[in-house]
Amino acid sequence: MTITHLNPESMHSNPAFSQGVLLDGEGRLLVVGGQNGVDAQGNIVSDDLGEQTVQAFRNLITVLESAGASQTDVAKLTIYMVPGGDVNAGFAAAQEVWGQHATAITVIQATPGRPDALVEIEALAFVGNDEH
């Protein structure tokens, strides 16, 4: 399986994301439902956007690992953040857990389904058959 990050020279480039991600090869698609900043008991970890973002990414990584995948297998992230939330603060917080895996990403300011959640993260990952 090959994952190619697409950043055409004629388009804006940013180290935090890719404009597109091309998946090629045999494998399986992993769809990760919205992850909030909750602990193992389902409690929101903090009322701070950064801390919730870190925990949401930790939860996402846990789901990836349960399928034999990692951050490098993620083709697309969709991040829902409360209106007025500081996107840059969220990205900064995520770096400590997610690292420099610049995948395709969409950030939408919308209220997550859980009232006390400030962020929710979905992912699409391509898990190669050779990894199992």
N, C-alpha and C. Protein backbone atom coordinates (compact mmCIF):
# COMPACT_ATOMS: atom_id res chain seq x y z
N MET A 1 0.84 -1.17 0.00
CA MET A 1 0.00 0.00 0.00
C MET A 1 0.89 1.24 0.00
N THR A 2 0.50 2.21 -0.82
CA THR A 2 1.23 3.46 -0.89
C THR A 2 0.27 4.61 -0.59
N ILE A 3 0.71 5.52 0.27
CA ILE A 3 -0.04 6.74 0.54
C ILE A 3 0.80 7.89 0.05
N THR A 4 0.28 8.65 -0.91
CA THR A 4 0.99 9.79 -1.47
C THR A 4 0.27 11.07 -1.09
N HIS A 5 1.00 11.98 -0.45
CA HIS A 5 0.43 13.27 -0.06
C HIS A 5 0.59 14.23 -1.24
N LEU A 6 -0.51 14.84 -1.65
CA LEU A 6 -0.52 15.71 -2.83
C LEU A 6 -0.58 17.17 -2.41
N ASN A 7 0.41 17.93 -2.85
CA ASN A 7 0.47 19.36 -2.62
C ASN A 7 0.97 20.02 -3.90
N PRO A 8 0.06 20.21 -4.88
CA PRO A 8 0.48 20.80 -6.16
C PRO A 8 1.18 22.14 -5.96
N GLU A 9 2.23 22.36 -6.74
CA GLU A 9 3.03 23.58 -6.61
C GLU A 9 2.21 24.84 -6.84
N SER A 10 1.13 24.76 -7.61
CA SER A 10 0.32 25.94 -7.90
C SER A 10 -0.65 26.28 -6.76
N MET A 11 -0.64 25.48 -5.69
CA MET A 11 -1.56 25.71 -4.57
C MET A 11 -0.80 26.07 -3.31
N HIS A 12 -1.51 26.68 -2.37
CA HIS A 12 -0.95 27.02 -1.07
C HIS A 12 -0.45 25.75 -0.38
N SER A 13 0.70 25.84 0.25
CA SER A 13 1.27 24.71 0.96
C SER A 13 1.39 25.04 2.44
N ASN A 14 1.09 24.06 3.28
CA ASN A 14 1.16 24.25 4.72
C ASN A 14 1.66 22.94 5.32
N PRO A 15 2.64 22.98 6.22
CA PRO A 15 3.17 21.73 6.78
C PRO A 15 2.17 20.99 7.67
N ALA A 16 1.07 21.62 8.05
CA ALA A 16 0.09 20.99 8.94
C ALA A 16 -0.88 20.08 8.20
N PHE A 17 -0.98 20.21 6.87
CA PHE A 17 -1.95 19.39 6.14
C PHE A 17 -1.52 19.21 4.70
N SER A 18 -2.16 18.25 4.04
CA SER A 18 -1.97 18.02 2.60
C SER A 18 -3.25 18.41 1.88
N GLN A 19 -3.12 18.85 0.62
CA GLN A 19 -4.30 19.21 -0.17
C GLN A 19 -5.09 17.96 -0.57
N GLY A 20 -4.41 16.86 -0.73
CA GLY A 20 -5.07 15.61 -1.07
C GLY A 20 -4.19 14.44 -0.66
N VAL A 21 -4.79 13.28 -0.57
CA VAL A 21 -4.05 12.07 -0.23
C VAL A 21 -4.53 10.97 -1.17
N LEU A 22 -3.58 10.35 -1.88
CA LEU A 22 -3.89 9.29 -2.83
C LEU A 22 -3.53 7.95 -2.19
N LEU A 23 -4.50 7.04 -2.15
CA LEU A 23 -4.30 5.70 -1.59
C LEU A 23 -4.22 4.71 -2.74
N ASP A 24 -3.18 3.88 -2.75
CA ASP A 24 -3.02 2.92 -3.83
C ASP A 24 -2.55 1.59 -3.26
N GLY A 25 -3.23 0.54 -3.63
CA GLY A 25 -2.82 -0.77 -3.18
C GLY A 25 -3.97 -1.55 -2.58
N GLU A 26 -3.65 -2.75 -2.13
CA GLU A 26 -4.67 -3.58 -1.50
C GLU A 26 -4.71 -3.26 -0.02
N GLY A 27 -5.91 -3.18 0.50
CA GLY A 27 -6.04 -2.89 1.92
C GLY A 27 -7.49 -2.72 2.31
N ARG A 28 -7.67 -2.17 3.49
CA ARG A 28 -9.00 -1.97 4.03
C ARG A 28 -9.17 -0.51 4.45
N LEU A 29 -10.39 -0.02 4.31
CA LEU A 29 -10.71 1.34 4.73
C LEU A 29 -11.18 1.31 6.17
N LEU A 30 -10.57 2.11 7.02
CA LEU A 30 -10.98 2.25 8.41
C LEU A 30 -11.67 3.60 8.56
N VAL A 31 -12.90 3.59 8.99
CA VAL A 31 -13.66 4.80 9.24
C VAL A 31 -13.76 4.96 10.75
N VAL A 32 -13.17 6.04 11.27
CA VAL A 32 -13.18 6.29 12.71
C VAL A 32 -14.23 7.35 13.01
N GLY A 33 -15.21 6.96 13.80
CA GLY A 33 -16.26 7.89 14.20
C GLY A 33 -15.72 9.00 15.08
N GLY A 34 -16.53 10.02 15.29
CA GLY A 34 -16.11 11.21 16.04
C GLY A 34 -15.57 10.89 17.42
N GLN A 35 -14.35 11.32 17.67
CA GLN A 35 -13.69 11.13 18.96
C GLN A 35 -13.67 12.45 19.71
N ASN A 36 -14.14 12.42 20.96
CA ASN A 36 -14.12 13.59 21.83
C ASN A 36 -12.97 13.47 22.82
N GLY A 37 -12.78 14.51 23.60
CA GLY A 37 -11.77 14.52 24.65
C GLY A 37 -12.27 13.87 25.91
N VAL A 38 -12.56 12.57 25.84
CA VAL A 38 -13.09 11.84 27.00
C VAL A 38 -12.10 10.78 27.46
N ASP A 39 -12.18 10.45 28.76
CA ASP A 39 -11.35 9.39 29.31
C ASP A 39 -12.04 8.04 29.12
N ALA A 40 -11.44 6.98 29.66
CA ALA A 40 -11.97 5.62 29.48
C ALA A 40 -13.35 5.43 30.09
N GLN A 41 -13.73 6.30 31.02
CA GLN A 41 -15.06 6.22 31.63
C GLN A 41 -16.08 7.09 30.90
N GLY A 42 -15.65 7.78 29.86
CA GLY A 42 -16.56 8.63 29.09
C GLY A 42 -16.71 10.03 29.63
N ASN A 43 -15.83 10.42 30.57
CA ASN A 43 -15.89 11.77 31.14
C ASN A 43 -15.02 12.73 30.35
N ILE A 44 -15.53 13.93 30.08
CA ILE A 44 -14.72 14.97 29.44
C ILE A 44 -13.54 15.27 30.34
N VAL A 45 -12.32 15.33 29.77
CA VAL A 45 -11.11 15.47 30.58
C VAL A 45 -10.88 16.87 31.12
N SER A 46 -11.46 17.88 30.48
CA SER A 46 -11.19 19.26 30.86
C SER A 46 -12.18 20.16 30.14
N ASP A 47 -12.26 21.41 30.58
CA ASP A 47 -13.05 22.38 29.83
C ASP A 47 -12.16 23.24 28.93
N ASP A 48 -10.92 22.79 28.73
CA ASP A 48 -9.94 23.49 27.91
C ASP A 48 -9.88 22.85 26.52
N LEU A 49 -9.97 23.66 25.47
CA LEU A 49 -9.96 23.16 24.10
C LEU A 49 -8.69 22.36 23.80
N GLY A 50 -7.54 22.87 24.21
CA GLY A 50 -6.28 22.18 23.95
C GLY A 50 -6.23 20.81 24.60
N GLU A 51 -6.63 20.72 25.86
CA GLU A 51 -6.60 19.44 26.56
C GLU A 51 -7.60 18.45 25.97
N GLN A 52 -8.77 18.95 25.59
CA GLN A 52 -9.74 18.06 24.94
C GLN A 52 -9.22 17.57 23.59
N THR A 53 -8.54 18.45 22.85
CA THR A 53 -8.00 18.07 21.55
C THR A 53 -6.94 16.98 21.70
N VAL A 54 -6.04 17.15 22.66
CA VAL A 54 -5.01 16.13 22.91
C VAL A 54 -5.66 14.79 23.21
N GLN A 55 -6.67 14.78 24.09
CA GLN A 55 -7.33 13.52 24.45
C GLN A 55 -8.08 12.92 23.26
N ALA A 56 -8.73 13.77 22.47
CA ALA A 56 -9.45 13.27 21.29
C ALA A 56 -8.47 12.59 20.32
N PHE A 57 -7.28 13.18 20.13
CA PHE A 57 -6.28 12.54 19.27
C PHE A 57 -5.76 11.25 19.90
N ARG A 58 -5.59 11.22 21.21
CA ARG A 58 -5.18 9.97 21.87
C ARG A 58 -6.22 8.88 21.62
N ASN A 59 -7.49 9.24 21.75
CA ASN A 59 -8.56 8.27 21.50
C ASN A 59 -8.54 7.80 20.05
N LEU A 60 -8.33 8.72 19.13
CA LEU A 60 -8.24 8.38 17.71
C LEU A 60 -7.10 7.39 17.47
N ILE A 61 -5.95 7.67 18.05
CA ILE A 61 -4.79 6.78 17.89
C ILE A 61 -5.09 5.40 18.46
N THR A 62 -5.81 5.34 19.56
CA THR A 62 -6.19 4.05 20.15
C THR A 62 -7.04 3.23 19.18
N VAL A 63 -7.98 3.89 18.51
CA VAL A 63 -8.82 3.19 17.53
C VAL A 63 -7.96 2.73 16.35
N LEU A 64 -7.07 3.60 15.87
CA LEU A 64 -6.18 3.23 14.76
C LEU A 64 -5.38 1.98 15.13
N GLU A 65 -4.77 2.00 16.32
CA GLU A 65 -3.94 0.88 16.74
C GLU A 65 -4.74 -0.41 16.87
N SER A 66 -6.02 -0.30 17.25
CA SER A 66 -6.84 -1.51 17.37
C SER A 66 -7.08 -2.17 16.02
N ALA A 67 -6.89 -1.42 14.93
CA ALA A 67 -7.03 -1.95 13.58
C ALA A 67 -5.68 -2.24 12.94
N GLY A 68 -4.60 -2.10 13.71
CA GLY A 68 -3.27 -2.32 13.16
C GLY A 68 -2.77 -1.15 12.34
N ALA A 69 -3.30 0.03 12.59
CA ALA A 69 -2.94 1.22 11.82
C ALA A 69 -2.24 2.23 12.74
N SER A 70 -1.73 3.30 12.12
CA SER A 70 -1.09 4.39 12.86
C SER A 70 -1.44 5.71 12.17
N GLN A 71 -0.90 6.79 12.70
CA GLN A 71 -1.16 8.10 12.12
C GLN A 71 -0.79 8.17 10.65
N THR A 72 0.26 7.48 10.25
CA THR A 72 0.72 7.55 8.86
C THR A 72 -0.25 6.89 7.89
N ASP A 73 -1.21 6.12 8.39
CA ASP A 73 -2.21 5.48 7.54
C ASP A 73 -3.45 6.34 7.33
N VAL A 74 -3.53 7.46 8.03
CA VAL A 74 -4.72 8.31 7.95
C VAL A 74 -4.69 9.14 6.68
N ALA A 75 -5.76 9.05 5.90
CA ALA A 75 -5.87 9.80 4.66
C ALA A 75 -6.60 11.12 4.87
N LYS A 76 -7.51 11.19 5.84
CA LYS A 76 -8.34 12.39 6.00
C LYS A 76 -8.79 12.52 7.44
N LEU A 77 -8.67 13.73 7.96
CA LEU A 77 -9.22 14.09 9.26
C LEU A 77 -10.30 15.14 9.05
N THR A 78 -11.38 15.02 9.78
CA THR A 78 -12.39 16.08 9.85
C THR A 78 -12.49 16.45 11.32
N ILE A 79 -12.26 17.72 11.61
CA ILE A 79 -12.26 18.20 12.99
C ILE A 79 -13.40 19.20 13.15
N TYR A 80 -14.28 18.88 14.06
CA TYR A 80 -15.39 19.78 14.40
C TYR A 80 -15.02 20.49 15.69
N MET A 81 -15.04 21.81 15.65
CA MET A 81 -14.65 22.61 16.80
C MET A 81 -15.75 23.61 17.11
N VAL A 82 -15.98 23.86 18.40
CA VAL A 82 -17.03 24.80 18.78
C VAL A 82 -16.79 26.15 18.12
N PRO A 83 -17.85 26.84 17.72
CA PRO A 83 -17.70 28.18 17.17
C PRO A 83 -16.95 29.08 18.15
N GLY A 84 -16.00 29.83 17.61
CA GLY A 84 -15.18 30.70 18.44
C GLY A 84 -13.95 30.03 18.99
N GLY A 85 -13.83 28.71 18.78
CA GLY A 85 -12.65 27.99 19.26
C GLY A 85 -11.42 28.41 18.47
N ASP A 86 -10.28 28.47 19.12
CA ASP A 86 -9.03 28.89 18.49
C ASP A 86 -8.41 27.72 17.73
N VAL A 87 -8.55 27.72 16.42
CA VAL A 87 -8.05 26.64 15.58
C VAL A 87 -6.55 26.44 15.78
N ASN A 88 -5.79 27.52 15.85
CA ASN A 88 -4.34 27.40 16.02
C ASN A 88 -3.98 26.77 17.36
N ALA A 89 -4.73 27.08 18.40
CA ALA A 89 -4.49 26.46 19.71
C ALA A 89 -4.76 24.96 19.63
N GLY A 90 -5.80 24.60 18.89
CA GLY A 90 -6.11 23.18 18.71
C GLY A 90 -5.01 22.45 17.97
N PHE A 91 -4.50 23.06 16.88
CA PHE A 91 -3.41 22.45 16.13
C PHE A 91 -2.16 22.32 17.00
N ALA A 92 -1.84 23.36 17.76
CA ALA A 92 -0.66 23.32 18.62
C ALA A 92 -0.77 22.19 19.65
N ALA A 93 -1.92 22.05 20.24
CA ALA A 93 -2.13 20.99 21.23
C ALA A 93 -2.01 19.61 20.59
N ALA A 94 -2.53 19.47 19.39
CA ALA A 94 -2.51 18.18 18.71
C ALA A 94 -1.09 17.73 18.37
N GLN A 95 -0.19 18.67 18.11
CA GLN A 95 1.17 18.32 17.71
C GLN A 95 1.86 17.42 18.72
N GLU A 96 1.58 17.60 20.02
CA GLU A 96 2.27 16.79 21.03
C GLU A 96 1.87 15.32 20.96
N VAL A 97 0.70 15.02 20.39
CA VAL A 97 0.25 13.64 20.29
C VAL A 97 0.32 13.14 18.85
N TRP A 98 -0.15 13.94 17.90
CA TRP A 98 -0.27 13.53 16.51
C TRP A 98 1.05 13.58 15.77
N GLY A 99 1.91 14.52 16.09
CA GLY A 99 3.19 14.67 15.42
C GLY A 99 3.06 15.38 14.09
N GLN A 100 3.97 15.10 13.17
CA GLN A 100 4.07 15.80 11.89
C GLN A 100 3.43 15.03 10.74
N HIS A 101 2.35 14.34 10.99
CA HIS A 101 1.67 13.57 9.95
C HIS A 101 0.68 14.49 9.24
N ALA A 102 1.12 15.11 8.16
CA ALA A 102 0.34 16.14 7.46
C ALA A 102 -0.62 15.52 6.47
N THR A 103 -1.76 15.08 6.94
CA THR A 103 -2.76 14.45 6.09
C THR A 103 -3.74 15.50 5.56
N ALA A 104 -4.65 15.09 4.71
CA ALA A 104 -5.72 15.99 4.27
C ALA A 104 -6.60 16.26 5.49
N ILE A 105 -7.03 17.51 5.63
CA ILE A 105 -7.77 17.89 6.84
C ILE A 105 -8.82 18.94 6.52
N THR A 106 -9.95 18.83 7.19
CA THR A 106 -11.00 19.84 7.12
C THR A 106 -11.37 20.20 8.55
N VAL A 107 -11.41 21.49 8.84
CA VAL A 107 -11.84 21.96 10.16
C VAL A 107 -13.15 22.71 9.98
N ILE A 108 -14.14 22.31 10.76
CA ILE A 108 -15.46 22.92 10.68
C ILE A 108 -15.83 23.44 12.05
N GLN A 109 -16.24 24.70 12.11
CA GLN A 109 -16.73 25.23 13.38
C GLN A 109 -18.20 24.88 13.50
N ALA A 110 -18.48 23.97 14.41
CA ALA A 110 -19.84 23.50 14.66
C ALA A 110 -19.87 22.92 16.06
N THR A 111 -21.01 22.96 16.67
CA THR A 111 -21.13 22.41 18.02
C THR A 111 -21.16 20.89 17.95
N PRO A 112 -20.20 20.21 18.60
CA PRO A 112 -20.23 18.74 18.63
C PRO A 112 -21.51 18.24 19.28
N GLY A 113 -21.86 16.99 19.02
CA GLY A 113 -23.10 16.41 19.53
C GLY A 113 -23.18 16.35 21.04
N ARG A 114 -22.07 16.22 21.71
CA ARG A 114 -22.05 16.18 23.17
C ARG A 114 -21.94 17.61 23.69
N PRO A 115 -22.84 18.04 24.56
CA PRO A 115 -22.89 19.44 24.99
C PRO A 115 -21.60 19.98 25.62
N ASP A 116 -20.86 19.16 26.36
CA ASP A 116 -19.65 19.65 27.02
C ASP A 116 -18.38 19.43 26.20
N ALA A 117 -18.53 18.89 25.00
CA ALA A 117 -17.38 18.67 24.12
C ALA A 117 -17.08 19.94 23.33
N LEU A 118 -15.80 20.27 23.24
CA LEU A 118 -15.35 21.43 22.48
C LEU A 118 -14.79 21.04 21.12
N VAL A 119 -14.49 19.76 20.94
CA VAL A 119 -13.90 19.28 19.70
C VAL A 119 -14.32 17.82 19.47
N GLU A 120 -14.43 17.46 18.21
CA GLU A 120 -14.72 16.08 17.82
C GLU A 120 -13.94 15.80 16.54
N ILE A 121 -13.29 14.64 16.48
CA ILE A 121 -12.40 14.34 15.35
C ILE A 121 -12.80 13.01 14.72
N GLU A 122 -12.99 13.03 13.40
CA GLU A 122 -13.25 11.82 12.60
C GLU A 122 -12.04 11.56 11.72
N ALA A 123 -11.87 10.31 11.31
CA ALA A 123 -10.74 9.98 10.45
C ALA A 123 -11.11 8.89 9.45
N LEU A 124 -10.44 8.94 8.31
CA LEU A 124 -10.46 7.87 7.31
C LEU A 124 -9.03 7.38 7.18
N ALA A 125 -8.82 6.09 7.32
CA ALA A 125 -7.48 5.52 7.21
C ALA A 125 -7.52 4.33 6.26
N PHE A 126 -6.40 4.08 5.61
CA PHE A 126 -6.26 2.97 4.70
C PHE A 126 -5.25 2.01 5.31
N VAL A 127 -5.71 0.83 5.68
CA VAL A 127 -4.86 -0.15 6.35
C VAL A 127 -4.49 -1.22 5.33
N GLY A 128 -3.22 -1.30 5.01
CA GLY A 128 -2.76 -2.29 4.03
C GLY A 128 -2.89 -3.70 4.54
N ASN A 129 -3.21 -4.63 3.64
CA ASN A 129 -3.34 -6.04 4.02
C ASN A 129 -2.02 -6.63 4.50
N ASP A 130 -0.90 -6.07 4.05
CA ASP A 130 0.40 -6.59 4.42
C ASP A 130 0.73 -6.34 5.89
N GLU A 131 -0.07 -5.53 6.57
CA GLU A 131 0.21 -5.20 7.96
C GLU A 131 -0.43 -6.18 8.92
N HIS A 132 -1.15 -7.21 8.41
CA HIS A 132 -1.85 -8.15 9.30
C HIS A 132 -1.42 -9.56 9.04
